C-alpha cells in the first residue's frame, strides 16, 4: 500500500501516507473522471476520495503528520581532478 500511497501523492500533488496497516503487495486499479472544467494537472480531492471509497473501500482523511525533509543549505561545483 505504500507504493499506492506514493502514486496518489503524485496524482494529488500532496503527501498521501499509508495508514491502512495492510501488509503485502496489491494490484489495484481505480478510475475517476475529472470534469472538463478542472484545471490541467489538478484532481479534485473529493472526486478521488469518492472513487477510492466506492471502488476499494479506502478513504483519504486530511490530517497533519510529520514527514522527513532533506534541506540542502549550500552546494559547490566539484574541483577538477
PDB file of N, CA and C in Angstrom:
ATOM      1  N   UNK A   1       0.815  -1.198   0.000  1.00  0.00           N
ATOM      2  CA  UNK A   1       0.000   0.000   0.000  1.00  0.00           C
ATOM      3  C   UNK A   1       0.860   1.264   0.000  1.00  0.00           C
ATOM      4  N   UNK A   2       2.112   1.129   0.425  1.00  0.00           N
ATOM      5  CA  UNK A   2       2.994   2.305   0.389  1.00  0.00           C
ATOM      6  C   UNK A   2       3.196   2.797  -1.035  1.00  0.00           C
ATOM      7  N   UNK A   3       3.341   1.877  -1.978  1.00  0.00           N
ATOM      8  CA  UNK A   3       3.505   2.253  -3.380  1.00  0.00           C
ATOM      9  C   UNK A   3       2.259   2.935  -3.925  1.00  0.00           C
ATOM     10  N   UNK A   4       1.106   2.456  -3.507  1.00  0.00           N
ATOM     11  CA  UNK A   4      -0.162   3.062  -3.933  1.00  0.00           C
ATOM     12  C   UNK A   4      -0.278   4.476  -3.366  1.00  0.00           C
ATOM     13  N   UNK A   5       0.106   4.639  -2.098  1.00  0.00           N
ATOM     14  CA  UNK A   5       0.086   5.972  -1.483  1.00  0.00           C
ATOM     15  C   UNK A   5       1.033   6.912  -2.219  1.00  0.00           C
ATOM     16  N   UNK A   6       2.177   6.395  -2.628  1.00  0.00           N
ATOM     17  CA  UNK A   6       3.134   7.211  -3.396  1.00  0.00           C
ATOM     18  C   UNK A   6       2.548   7.624  -4.740  1.00  0.00           C
ATOM     19  N   UNK A   7       1.858   6.707  -5.395  1.00  0.00           N
ATOM     20  CA  UNK A   7       1.228   7.038  -6.678  1.00  0.00           C
ATOM     21  C   UNK A   7       0.160   8.107  -6.487  1.00  0.00           C
ATOM     22  N   UNK A   8      -0.614   7.995  -5.418  1.00  0.00           N
ATOM     23  CA  UNK A   8      -1.627   9.014  -5.142  1.00  0.00           C
ATOM     24  C   UNK A   8      -0.986  10.359  -4.808  1.00  0.00           C
ATOM     25  N   UNK A   9       0.161  10.321  -4.142  1.00  0.00           N
ATOM     26  CA  UNK A   9       0.885  11.558  -3.844  1.00  0.00           C
ATOM     27  C   UNK A   9       1.186  12.298  -5.141  1.00  0.00           C
ATOM     28  N   UNK A  10       1.635  11.574  -6.149  1.00  0.00           N
ATOM     29  CA  UNK A  10       1.936  12.198  -7.430  1.00  0.00           C
ATOM     30  C   UNK A  10       0.696  12.719  -8.128  1.00  0.00           C
ATOM     31  N   UNK A  11      -0.390  11.985  -8.062  1.00  0.00           N
ATOM     32  CA  UNK A  11      -1.624  12.399  -8.728  1.00  0.00           C
ATOM     33  C   UNK A  11      -2.280  13.591  -8.038  1.00  0.00           C
ATOM     34  N   UNK A  12      -2.290  13.578  -6.715  1.00  0.00           N
ATOM     35  CA  UNK A  12      -2.973  14.634  -5.963  1.00  0.00           C
ATOM     36  C   UNK A  12      -2.082  15.827  -5.660  1.00  0.00           C
ATOM     37  N   UNK A  13      -0.768  15.662  -5.923  1.00  0.00           N
ATOM     38  CA  UNK A  13       0.210  16.717  -5.642  1.00  0.00           C
ATOM     39  C   UNK A  13       0.172  17.163  -4.179  1.00  0.00           C
ATOM     40  N   UNK A  14      -0.028  16.209  -3.314  1.00  0.00           N
ATOM     41  CA  UNK A  14       0.050  16.406  -1.871  1.00  0.00           C
ATOM     42  C   UNK A  14       0.482  15.079  -1.268  1.00  0.00           C
ATOM     43  N   UNK A  15       1.039  15.109  -0.087  1.00  0.00           N
ATOM     44  CA  UNK A  15       1.528  13.878   0.535  1.00  0.00           C
ATOM     45  C   UNK A  15       0.374  12.977   0.939  1.00  0.00           C
ATOM     46  N   UNK A  16       0.462  11.707   0.541  1.00  0.00           N
ATOM     47  CA  UNK A  16      -0.500  10.690   0.956  1.00  0.00           C
ATOM     48  C   UNK A  16       0.294   9.640   1.713  1.00  0.00           C
ATOM     49  N   UNK A  17      -0.105   9.378   2.946  1.00  0.00           N
ATOM     50  CA  UNK A  17       0.598   8.446   3.832  1.00  0.00           C
ATOM     51  C   UNK A  17      -0.277   7.222   4.050  1.00  0.00           C
ATOM     52  N   UNK A  18       0.301   6.042   3.869  1.00  0.00           N
ATOM     53  CA  UNK A  18      -0.424   4.785   4.079  1.00  0.00           C
ATOM     54  C   UNK A  18      -0.573   4.528   5.568  1.00  0.00           C
ATOM     55  N   UNK A  19      -1.797   4.535   6.045  1.00  0.00           N
ATOM     56  CA  UNK A  19      -2.082   4.183   7.436  1.00  0.00           C
ATOM     57  C   UNK A  19      -3.072   3.025   7.502  1.00  0.00           C
ATOM     58  N   UNK A  20      -3.136   2.238   6.424  1.00  0.00           N
ATOM     59  CA  UNK A  20      -4.064   1.113   6.396  1.00  0.00           C
ATOM     60  C   UNK A  20      -3.600  -0.029   7.281  1.00  0.00           C
ATOM     61  N   UNK A  21      -2.282  -0.174   7.425  1.00  0.00           N
ATOM     62  CA  UNK A  21      -1.753  -1.298   8.178  1.00  0.00           C
ATOM     63  C   UNK A  21      -1.815  -2.601   7.398  1.00  0.00           C
ATOM     64  N   UNK A  22      -2.150  -2.528   6.111  1.00  0.00           N
ATOM     65  CA  UNK A  22      -2.245  -3.729   5.289  1.00  0.00           C
ATOM     66  C   UNK A  22      -0.858  -4.130   4.774  1.00  0.00           C
ATOM     67  N   UNK A  23      -0.387  -5.314   5.130  1.00  0.00           N
ATOM     68  CA  UNK A  23       0.913  -5.764   4.633  1.00  0.00           C
ATOM     69  C   UNK A  23       0.762  -6.365   3.237  1.00  0.00           C
ATOM     70  N   UNK A  24       1.867  -6.523   2.554  1.00  0.00           N
ATOM     71  CA  UNK A  24       1.855  -7.212   1.271  1.00  0.00           C
ATOM     72  C   UNK A  24       1.788  -6.271   0.088  1.00  0.00           C
ATOM     73  N   UNK A  25       1.732  -6.888  -1.081  1.00  0.00           N
ATOM     74  CA  UNK A  25       1.690  -6.154  -2.345  1.00  0.00           C
ATOM     75  C   UNK A  25       0.336  -6.414  -2.990  1.00  0.00           C
ATOM     76  N   UNK A  26      -0.278  -5.375  -3.522  1.00  0.00           N
ATOM     77  CA  UNK A  26      -1.599  -5.488  -4.122  1.00  0.00           C
ATOM     78  C   UNK A  26      -1.574  -4.921  -5.531  1.00  0.00           C
ATOM     79  N   UNK A  27      -2.371  -5.512  -6.391  1.00  0.00           N
ATOM     80  CA  UNK A  27      -2.592  -4.958  -7.729  1.00  0.00           C
ATOM     81  C   UNK A  27      -3.951  -4.269  -7.674  1.00  0.00           C
ATOM     82  N   UNK A  28      -3.950  -2.959  -7.774  1.00  0.00           N
ATOM     83  CA  UNK A  28      -5.204  -2.205  -7.691  1.00  0.00           C
ATOM     84  C   UNK A  28      -5.377  -1.346  -8.934  1.00  0.00           C
ATOM     85  N   UNK A  29      -6.616  -1.104  -9.265  1.00  0.00           N
ATOM     86  CA  UNK A  29      -6.957  -0.202 -10.356  1.00  0.00           C
ATOM     87  C   UNK A  29      -8.128   0.641  -9.884  1.00  0.00           C
ATOM     88  N   UNK A  30      -7.959   1.938  -9.974  1.00  0.00           N
ATOM     89  CA  UNK A  30      -9.013   2.872  -9.587  1.00  0.00           C
ATOM     90  C   UNK A  30      -9.210   3.832 -10.744  1.00  0.00           C
ATOM     91  N   UNK A  31     -10.451   4.091 -11.060  1.00  0.00           N
ATOM     92  CA  UNK A  31     -10.754   5.022 -12.136  1.00  0.00           C
ATOM     93  C   UNK A  31     -11.622   6.149 -11.594  1.00  0.00           C
ATOM     94  N   UNK A  32     -11.293   7.357 -12.039  1.00  0.00           N
ATOM     95  CA  UNK A  32     -12.135   8.507 -11.736  1.00  0.00           C
ATOM     96  C   UNK A  32     -12.126   9.411 -12.947  1.00  0.00           C
ATOM     97  N   UNK A  33     -13.141  10.223 -13.034  1.00  0.00           N
ATOM     98  CA  UNK A  33     -13.243  11.120 -14.176  1.00  0.00           C
ATOM     99  C   UNK A  33     -13.155  12.561 -13.681  1.00  0.00           C
ATOM    100  N   UNK A  34     -12.236  13.281 -14.285  1.00  0.00           N
ATOM    101  CA  UNK A  34     -12.043  14.682 -13.927  1.00  0.00           C
ATOM    102  C   UNK A  34     -12.951  15.522 -14.820  1.00  0.00           C
ATOM    103  N   UNK A  35     -13.730  16.414 -14.220  1.00  0.00           N
ATOM    104  CA  UNK A  35     -14.613  17.249 -15.046  1.00  0.00           C
ATOM    105  C   UNK A  35     -13.826  18.120 -16.019  1.00  0.00           C
ATOM    106  N   UNK A  36     -14.429  18.423 -17.158  1.00  0.00           N
ATOM    107  CA  UNK A  36     -13.779  19.263 -18.166  1.00  0.00           C
ATOM    108  C   UNK A  36     -13.406  20.627 -17.605  1.00  0.00           C
ATOM    109  N   UNK A  37     -14.119  21.082 -16.592  1.00  0.00           N
ATOM    110  CA  UNK A  37     -13.875  22.407 -16.025  1.00  0.00           C
ATOM    111  C   UNK A  37     -12.651  22.451 -15.108  1.00  0.00           C
ATOM    112  N   UNK A  38     -12.087  21.286 -14.793  1.00  0.00           N
ATOM    113  CA  UNK A  38     -10.929  21.236 -13.887  1.00  0.00           C
ATOM    114  C   UNK A  38      -9.691  21.796 -14.583  1.00  0.00           C
ATOM    115  N   UNK A  39      -8.852  22.443 -13.813  1.00  0.00           N
ATOM    116  CA  UNK A  39      -7.597  22.969 -14.333  1.00  0.00           C
ATOM    117  C   UNK A  39      -6.686  21.797 -14.710  1.00  0.00           C
ATOM    118  N   UNK A  40      -5.825  21.968 -15.718  1.00  0.00           N
ATOM    119  CA  UNK A  40      -4.895  20.887 -16.077  1.00  0.00           C
ATOM    120  C   UNK A  40      -4.020  20.474 -14.897  1.00  0.00           C
ATOM    121  N   UNK A  41      -3.759  19.195 -14.802  1.00  0.00           N
ATOM    122  CA  UNK A  41      -2.903  18.600 -13.765  1.00  0.00           C
ATOM    123  C   UNK A  41      -3.447  18.744 -12.355  1.00  0.00           C
ATOM    124  N   UNK A  42      -4.747  19.005 -12.202  1.00  0.00           N
ATOM    125  CA  UNK A  42      -5.335  19.049 -10.863  1.00  0.00           C
ATOM    126  C   UNK A  42      -6.438  18.001 -10.781  1.00  0.00           C
ATOM    127  N   UNK A  43      -6.531  17.365  -9.651  1.00  0.00           N
ATOM    128  CA  UNK A  43      -7.562  16.375  -9.418  1.00  0.00           C
ATOM    129  C   UNK A  43      -8.293  16.760  -8.140  1.00  0.00           C
ATOM    130  N   UNK A  44      -9.567  17.117  -8.260  1.00  0.00           N
ATOM    131  CA  UNK A  44     -10.301  17.478  -7.049  1.00  0.00           C
ATOM    132  C   UNK A  44     -10.274  16.344  -6.030  1.00  0.00           C
ATOM    133  N   UNK A  45      -9.907  16.675  -4.809  1.00  0.00           N
ATOM    134  CA  UNK A  45      -9.765  15.711  -3.723  1.00  0.00           C
ATOM    135  C   UNK A  45     -11.028  14.868  -3.570  1.00  0.00           C
ATOM    136  N   UNK A  46     -12.200  15.512  -3.599  1.00  0.00           N
ATOM    137  CA  UNK A  46     -13.447  14.783  -3.346  1.00  0.00           C
ATOM    138  C   UNK A  46     -13.721  13.730  -4.416  1.00  0.00           C
ATOM    139  N   UNK A  47     -13.370  14.002  -5.668  1.00  0.00           N
ATOM    140  CA  UNK A  47     -13.594  13.033  -6.744  1.00  0.00           C
ATOM    141  C   UNK A  47     -12.721  11.797  -6.528  1.00  0.00           C
ATOM    142  N   UNK A  48     -11.461  12.004  -6.201  1.00  0.00           N
ATOM    143  CA  UNK A  48     -10.541  10.885  -5.965  1.00  0.00           C
ATOM    144  C   UNK A  48     -10.963  10.123  -4.715  1.00  0.00           C
ATOM    145  N   UNK A  49     -11.322  10.834  -3.664  1.00  0.00           N
ATOM    146  CA  UNK A  49     -11.735  10.190  -2.413  1.00  0.00           C
ATOM    147  C   UNK A  49     -12.990   9.341  -2.640  1.00  0.00           C
ATOM    148  N   UNK A  50     -13.948   9.863  -3.387  1.00  0.00           N
ATOM    149  CA  UNK A  50     -15.166   9.098  -3.685  1.00  0.00           C
ATOM    150  C   UNK A  50     -14.843   7.840  -4.484  1.00  0.00           C
ATOM    151  N   UNK A  51     -13.940   7.951  -5.471  1.00  0.00           N
ATOM    152  CA  UNK A  51     -13.558   6.789  -6.278  1.00  0.00           C
ATOM    153  C   UNK A  51     -12.874   5.733  -5.419  1.00  0.00           C
ATOM    154  N   UNK A  52     -11.969   6.155  -4.545  1.00  0.00           N
ATOM    155  CA  UNK A  52     -11.281   5.210  -3.658  1.00  0.00           C
ATOM    156  C   UNK A  52     -12.269   4.510  -2.737  1.00  0.00           C
ATOM    157  N   UNK A  53     -13.202   5.269  -2.200  1.00  0.00           N
ATOM    158  CA  UNK A  53     -14.181   4.702  -1.279  1.00  0.00           C
ATOM    159  C   UNK A  53     -15.113   3.736  -2.002  1.00  0.00           C
ATOM    160  N   UNK A  54     -15.644   4.140  -3.161  1.00  0.00           N
ATOM    161  CA  UNK A  54     -16.596   3.302  -3.899  1.00  0.00           C
ATOM    162  C   UNK A  54     -15.953   2.039  -4.459  1.00  0.00           C
ATOM    163  N   UNK A  55     -14.724   2.166  -4.977  1.00  0.00           N
ATOM    164  CA  UNK A  55     -14.107   1.054  -5.687  1.00  0.00           C
ATOM    165  C   UNK A  55     -13.233   0.162  -4.816  1.00  0.00           C
ATOM    166  N   UNK A  56     -12.614   0.729  -3.770  1.00  0.00           N
ATOM    167  CA  UNK A  56     -11.686  -0.056  -2.947  1.00  0.00           C
ATOM    168  C   UNK A  56     -12.037  -0.080  -1.465  1.00  0.00           C
ATOM    169  N   UNK A  57     -12.996   0.733  -1.063  1.00  0.00           N
ATOM    170  CA  UNK A  57     -13.333   0.809   0.356  1.00  0.00           C
ATOM    171  C   UNK A  57     -12.296   1.571   1.159  1.00  0.00           C
ATOM    172  N   UNK A  58     -11.473   2.378   0.490  1.00  0.00           N
ATOM    173  CA  UNK A  58     -10.461   3.188   1.165  1.00  0.00           C
ATOM    174  C   UNK A  58     -10.938   4.620   1.258  1.00  0.00           C
ATOM    175  N   UNK A  59     -10.430   5.336   2.249  1.00  0.00           N
ATOM    176  CA  UNK A  59     -10.844   6.715   2.454  1.00  0.00           C
ATOM    177  C   UNK A  59      -9.619   7.573   2.727  1.00  0.00           C
ATOM    178  N   UNK A  60      -9.540   8.712   2.066  1.00  0.00           N
ATOM    179  CA  UNK A  60      -8.488   9.688   2.348  1.00  0.00           C
ATOM    180  C   UNK A  60      -8.985  10.611   3.453  1.00  0.00           C
ATOM    181  N   UNK A  61      -8.177  10.753   4.482  1.00  0.00           N
ATOM    182  CA  UNK A  61      -8.549  11.603   5.613  1.00  0.00           C
ATOM    183  C   UNK A  61      -7.492  12.679   5.770  1.00  0.00           C
ATOM    184  N   UNK A  62      -7.856  13.945   5.538  1.00  0.00           N
ATOM    185  CA  UNK A  62      -6.867  15.007   5.728  1.00  0.00           C
ATOM    186  C   UNK A  62      -6.425  15.069   7.188  1.00  0.00           C
ATOM    187  N   UNK A  63      -5.132  15.117   7.399  1.00  0.00           N
ATOM    188  CA  UNK A  63      -4.599  15.221   8.752  1.00  0.00           C
ATOM    189  C   UNK A  63      -3.199  15.806   8.678  1.00  0.00           C
ATOM    190  N   UNK A  64      -2.673  16.134   9.819  1.00  0.00           N
ATOM    191  CA  UNK A  64      -1.309  16.647   9.895  1.00  0.00           C
ATOM    192  C   UNK A  64      -0.399  15.511  10.332  1.00  0.00           C
ATOM    193  N   UNK A  65       0.791  15.469   9.734  1.00  0.00           N
ATOM    194  CA  UNK A  65       1.751  14.424  10.066  1.00  0.00           C
ATOM    195  C   UNK A  65       3.157  14.959   9.877  1.00  0.00           C
ATOM    196  N   UNK A  66       4.084  14.382  10.589  1.00  0.00           N
ATOM    197  CA  UNK A  66       5.483  14.731  10.405  1.00  0.00           C
ATOM    198  C   UNK A  66       6.036  13.905   9.254  1.00  0.00           C
ATOM    199  N   UNK A  67       6.753  14.569   8.358  1.00  0.00           N
ATOM    200  CA  UNK A  67       7.384  13.860   7.252  1.00  0.00           C
ATOM    201  C   UNK A  67       8.842  14.286   7.182  1.00  0.00           C
ATOM    202  N   UNK A  68       9.718  13.359   6.801  1.00  0.00           N
ATOM    203  CA  UNK A  68      11.131  13.734   6.697  1.00  0.00           C
ATOM    204  C   UNK A  68      11.358  14.656   5.492  1.00  0.00           C
ATOM    205  N   UNK A  69      12.171  15.656   5.702  1.00  0.00           N
ATOM    206  CA  UNK A  69      12.508  16.605   4.639  1.00  0.00           C
ATOM    207  C   UNK A  69      14.016  16.773   4.609  1.00  0.00           C
ATOM    208  N   UNK A  70      14.576  16.737   3.423  1.00  0.00           N
ATOM    209  CA  UNK A  70      16.000  16.956   3.242  1.00  0.00           C
ATOM    210  C   UNK A  70      16.199  18.404   2.811  1.00  0.00           C
ATOM    211  N   UNK A  71      17.014  19.136   3.551  1.00  0.00           N
ATOM    212  CA  UNK A  71      17.290  20.535   3.239  1.00  0.00           C
ATOM    213  C   UNK A  71      18.752  20.656   2.830  1.00  0.00           C
ATOM    214  N   UNK A  72      19.002  21.189   1.649  1.00  0.00           N
ATOM    215  CA  UNK A  72      20.361  21.438   1.180  1.00  0.00           C
ATOM    216  C   UNK A  72      20.621  22.921   1.391  1.00  0.00           C
ATOM    217  N   UNK A  73      21.578  23.222   2.260  1.00  0.00           N
ATOM    218  CA  UNK A  73      21.857  24.621   2.580  1.00  0.00           C
ATOM    219  C   UNK A  73      22.813  25.266   1.599  1.00  0.00           C
ATOM    220  N   UNK A  74      23.703  24.484   1.009  1.00  0.00           N
ATOM    221  CA  UNK A  74      24.605  25.050   0.003  1.00  0.00           C
ATOM    222  C   UNK A  74      25.148  23.924  -0.858  1.00  0.00           C
ATOM    223  N   UNK A  75      25.664  24.316  -2.016  1.00  0.00           N
ATOM    224  CA  UNK A  75      26.271  23.347  -2.939  1.00  0.00           C
ATOM    225  C   UNK A  75      27.383  24.051  -3.711  1.00  0.00           C
ATOM    226  N   UNK A  76      28.440  23.324  -3.998  1.00  0.00           N
ATOM    227  CA  UNK A  76      29.541  23.875  -4.781  1.00  0.00           C
ATOM    228  C   UNK A  76      29.908  22.897  -5.886  1.00  0.00           C
ATOM    229  N   UNK A  77      30.478  23.412  -6.937  1.00  0.00           N
ATOM    230  CA  UNK A  77      30.929  22.574  -8.038  1.00  0.00           C
ATOM    231  C   UNK A  77      32.153  21.783  -7.575  1.00  0.00           C
ATOM    232  N   UNK A  78      32.279  20.531  -8.003  1.00  0.00           N
ATOM    233  CA  UNK A  78      33.456  19.755  -7.618  1.00  0.00           C
ATOM    234  C   UNK A  78      34.701  20.315  -8.309  1.00  0.00           C
ATOM    235  N   UNK A  79      35.851  20.163  -7.635  1.00  0.00           N
ATOM    236  CA  UNK A  79      37.110  20.643  -8.232  1.00  0.00           C
ATOM    237  C   UNK A  79      37.558  19.652  -9.311  1.00  0.00           C
ATOM    238  N   UNK A  80      38.246  20.143 -10.350  1.00  0.00           N
ATOM    239  CA  UNK A  80      38.719  19.241 -11.397  1.00  0.00           C
ATOM    240  C   UNK A  80      39.829  18.328 -10.868  1.00  0.00           C
ATOM    241  N   UNK A  81      39.972  17.157 -11.454  1.00  0.00           N
ATOM    242  CA  UNK A  81      40.999  16.196 -10.997  1.00  0.00           C
ATOM    243  C   UNK A  81      42.349  16.586 -11.439  1.00  0.00           C
TER     244      UNK A  81
END
